[in-house]
Amino acid sequence: MAHLGPGSHRTGDTATALNMTVKGIGPVRAKLIKKGMIYSPAHGDMAFTVPLFDEFMIRAIPDFTPG
């Protein structure tokens, strides 16, 4: 999700970037929401709860290449 840029993103776009289905990403999405790392600002959207967390993730895991 961090590699998609700042702001909220469609769950389908995140799943596509990870080479997964929306159904496959569902349990991970639910766990991240429960942990307070992401939230759903609108139906089908996901966003990080902490501002600039996308930039931190890119710095913390620089070798990750989506899809």
N, C-alpha and C. Protein backbone atom coordinates (compact mmCIF):
# COMPACT_ATOMS: atom_id res chain seq x y z
N MET A 1 0.83 -1.19 0.00
CA MET A 1 0.00 0.00 0.00
C MET A 1 0.87 1.25 0.00
N ALA A 2 2.00 1.18 0.67
CA ALA A 2 2.90 2.33 0.74
C ALA A 2 3.41 2.71 -0.64
N HIS A 3 3.64 1.72 -1.48
CA HIS A 3 4.17 1.99 -2.82
C HIS A 3 3.12 2.59 -3.75
N LEU A 4 1.86 2.57 -3.35
CA LEU A 4 0.81 3.19 -4.15
C LEU A 4 0.74 4.70 -3.92
N GLY A 5 1.45 5.17 -2.89
CA GLY A 5 1.49 6.61 -2.61
C GLY A 5 0.66 6.99 -1.41
N PRO A 6 0.69 8.27 -1.05
CA PRO A 6 -0.06 8.73 0.12
C PRO A 6 -1.56 8.72 -0.13
N GLY A 7 -2.31 8.76 0.94
CA GLY A 7 -3.77 8.80 0.83
C GLY A 7 -4.40 7.43 0.87
N SER A 8 -5.70 7.39 0.63
CA SER A 8 -6.41 6.12 0.65
C SER A 8 -6.33 5.45 -0.72
N HIS A 9 -6.47 4.14 -0.71
CA HIS A 9 -6.39 3.35 -1.93
C HIS A 9 -7.47 2.30 -1.93
N ARG A 10 -7.95 1.96 -3.10
CA ARG A 10 -8.94 0.90 -3.23
C ARG A 10 -8.31 -0.42 -2.81
N THR A 11 -9.07 -1.24 -2.12
CA THR A 11 -8.59 -2.54 -1.68
C THR A 11 -8.17 -3.37 -2.89
N GLY A 12 -8.91 -3.26 -3.97
CA GLY A 12 -8.57 -3.99 -5.20
C GLY A 12 -7.23 -3.59 -5.77
N ASP A 13 -6.91 -2.31 -5.71
CA ASP A 13 -5.61 -1.84 -6.20
C ASP A 13 -4.47 -2.39 -5.35
N THR A 14 -4.68 -2.43 -4.04
CA THR A 14 -3.68 -2.98 -3.14
C THR A 14 -3.49 -4.47 -3.40
N ALA A 15 -4.59 -5.18 -3.57
CA ALA A 15 -4.52 -6.62 -3.86
C ALA A 15 -3.78 -6.87 -5.17
N THR A 16 -4.08 -6.09 -6.19
CA THR A 16 -3.41 -6.24 -7.48
C THR A 16 -1.91 -6.00 -7.33
N ALA A 17 -1.52 -4.97 -6.58
CA ALA A 17 -0.10 -4.66 -6.38
C ALA A 17 0.62 -5.81 -5.67
N LEU A 18 -0.10 -6.55 -4.84
CA LEU A 18 0.50 -7.67 -4.11
C LEU A 18 0.30 -9.00 -4.84
N ASN A 19 -0.28 -8.94 -6.02
CA ASN A 19 -0.54 -10.14 -6.80
C ASN A 19 -1.48 -11.10 -6.06
N MET A 20 -2.51 -10.53 -5.42
CA MET A 20 -3.49 -11.30 -4.64
C MET A 20 -4.89 -10.93 -5.11
N THR A 21 -5.86 -11.67 -4.60
CA THR A 21 -7.25 -11.32 -4.85
C THR A 21 -7.76 -10.48 -3.69
N VAL A 22 -8.88 -9.80 -3.91
CA VAL A 22 -9.48 -9.01 -2.82
C VAL A 22 -9.87 -9.94 -1.68
N LYS A 23 -10.39 -11.12 -2.01
CA LYS A 23 -10.75 -12.10 -0.98
C LYS A 23 -9.52 -12.54 -0.20
N GLY A 24 -8.42 -12.72 -0.89
CA GLY A 24 -7.19 -13.17 -0.25
C GLY A 24 -6.59 -12.14 0.68
N ILE A 25 -6.78 -10.88 0.36
CA ILE A 25 -6.22 -9.81 1.17
C ILE A 25 -7.12 -9.46 2.36
N GLY A 26 -8.35 -9.93 2.32
CA GLY A 26 -9.34 -9.61 3.35
C GLY A 26 -8.90 -9.89 4.78
N PRO A 27 -8.40 -11.10 5.09
CA PRO A 27 -7.98 -11.38 6.46
C PRO A 27 -6.82 -10.49 6.93
N VAL A 28 -5.88 -10.22 6.05
CA VAL A 28 -4.75 -9.34 6.40
C VAL A 28 -5.27 -7.93 6.66
N ARG A 29 -6.17 -7.46 5.79
CA ARG A 29 -6.77 -6.13 5.95
C ARG A 29 -7.49 -6.03 7.30
N ALA A 30 -8.25 -7.05 7.65
CA ALA A 30 -8.99 -7.06 8.92
C ALA A 30 -8.03 -7.01 10.11
N LYS A 31 -6.93 -7.76 10.04
CA LYS A 31 -5.95 -7.76 11.14
C LYS A 31 -5.28 -6.39 11.28
N LEU A 32 -4.95 -5.76 10.14
CA LEU A 32 -4.31 -4.44 10.20
C LEU A 32 -5.26 -3.38 10.73
N ILE A 33 -6.55 -3.50 10.41
CA ILE A 33 -7.55 -2.58 10.96
C ILE A 33 -7.66 -2.79 12.47
N LYS A 34 -7.72 -4.05 12.89
CA LYS A 34 -7.83 -4.37 14.32
C LYS A 34 -6.62 -3.85 15.11
N LYS A 35 -5.43 -3.92 14.49
CA LYS A 35 -4.22 -3.43 15.15
C LYS A 35 -4.10 -1.91 15.12
N GLY A 36 -4.97 -1.25 14.34
CA GLY A 36 -4.95 0.20 14.28
C GLY A 36 -3.94 0.77 13.30
N MET A 37 -3.42 -0.05 12.40
CA MET A 37 -2.43 0.43 11.44
C MET A 37 -3.06 1.05 10.21
N ILE A 38 -4.24 0.56 9.83
CA ILE A 38 -4.98 1.12 8.71
C ILE A 38 -6.43 1.30 9.11
N TYR A 39 -7.17 2.06 8.32
CA TYR A 39 -8.60 2.21 8.53
C TYR A 39 -9.28 2.30 7.17
N SER A 40 -10.58 2.26 7.20
CA SER A 40 -11.35 2.32 5.96
C SER A 40 -12.12 3.64 5.93
N PRO A 41 -11.60 4.65 5.21
CA PRO A 41 -12.28 5.95 5.15
C PRO A 41 -13.58 5.90 4.35
N ALA A 42 -13.72 4.92 3.47
CA ALA A 42 -14.94 4.72 2.69
C ALA A 42 -15.00 3.25 2.31
N HIS A 43 -16.16 2.79 1.94
CA HIS A 43 -16.33 1.38 1.57
C HIS A 43 -15.35 1.01 0.44
N GLY A 44 -14.56 -0.03 0.70
CA GLY A 44 -13.61 -0.50 -0.30
C GLY A 44 -12.29 0.23 -0.35
N ASP A 45 -12.09 1.18 0.55
CA ASP A 45 -10.84 1.94 0.59
C ASP A 45 -10.05 1.58 1.84
N MET A 46 -8.73 1.77 1.77
CA MET A 46 -7.85 1.59 2.92
C MET A 46 -6.88 2.75 2.96
N ALA A 47 -6.50 3.15 4.17
CA ALA A 47 -5.51 4.21 4.35
C ALA A 47 -4.77 3.95 5.66
N PHE A 48 -3.52 4.38 5.71
CA PHE A 48 -2.76 4.27 6.96
C PHE A 48 -3.33 5.24 7.98
N THR A 49 -3.31 4.86 9.25
CA THR A 49 -3.83 5.72 10.31
C THR A 49 -2.84 6.81 10.69
N VAL A 50 -1.56 6.59 10.45
CA VAL A 50 -0.52 7.54 10.83
C VAL A 50 -0.05 8.32 9.60
N PRO A 51 -0.06 9.64 9.66
CA PRO A 51 0.44 10.42 8.52
C PRO A 51 1.90 10.07 8.20
N LEU A 52 2.23 10.03 6.94
CA LEU A 52 3.57 9.74 6.43
C LEU A 52 4.05 8.31 6.71
N PHE A 53 3.15 7.43 7.15
CA PHE A 53 3.53 6.05 7.42
C PHE A 53 3.95 5.35 6.13
N ASP A 54 3.39 5.76 5.00
CA ASP A 54 3.79 5.18 3.72
C ASP A 54 5.28 5.43 3.46
N GLU A 55 5.73 6.63 3.74
CA GLU A 55 7.14 6.96 3.54
C GLU A 55 8.04 6.16 4.48
N PHE A 56 7.60 5.99 5.72
CA PHE A 56 8.36 5.20 6.69
C PHE A 56 8.48 3.75 6.21
N MET A 57 7.40 3.17 5.72
CA MET A 57 7.42 1.78 5.26
C MET A 57 8.38 1.61 4.09
N ILE A 58 8.41 2.57 3.19
CA ILE A 58 9.32 2.49 2.05
C ILE A 58 10.77 2.55 2.52
N ARG A 59 11.05 3.39 3.53
CA ARG A 59 12.42 3.46 4.08
C ARG A 59 12.76 2.18 4.86
N ALA A 60 11.79 1.65 5.61
CA ALA A 60 12.03 0.48 6.45
C ALA A 60 12.21 -0.80 5.65
N ILE A 61 11.51 -0.91 4.50
CA ILE A 61 11.60 -2.10 3.66
C ILE A 61 11.92 -1.65 2.23
N PRO A 62 13.14 -1.20 2.00
CA PRO A 62 13.48 -0.64 0.68
C PRO A 62 13.53 -1.66 -0.45
N ASP A 63 13.74 -2.93 -0.12
CA ASP A 63 13.88 -3.96 -1.16
C ASP A 63 12.57 -4.52 -1.65
N PHE A 64 11.46 -4.13 -1.05
CA PHE A 64 10.15 -4.66 -1.45
C PHE A 64 9.74 -4.10 -2.81
N THR A 65 9.39 -5.00 -3.70
CA THR A 65 8.86 -4.58 -5.01
C THR A 65 7.48 -5.21 -5.17
N PRO A 66 6.44 -4.38 -5.23
CA PRO A 66 5.09 -4.93 -5.35
C PRO A 66 4.86 -5.60 -6.70
N GLY A 67 3.94 -6.60 -6.66
CA GLY A 67 3.50 -7.28 -7.87
C GLY A 67 4.60 -7.86 -8.59
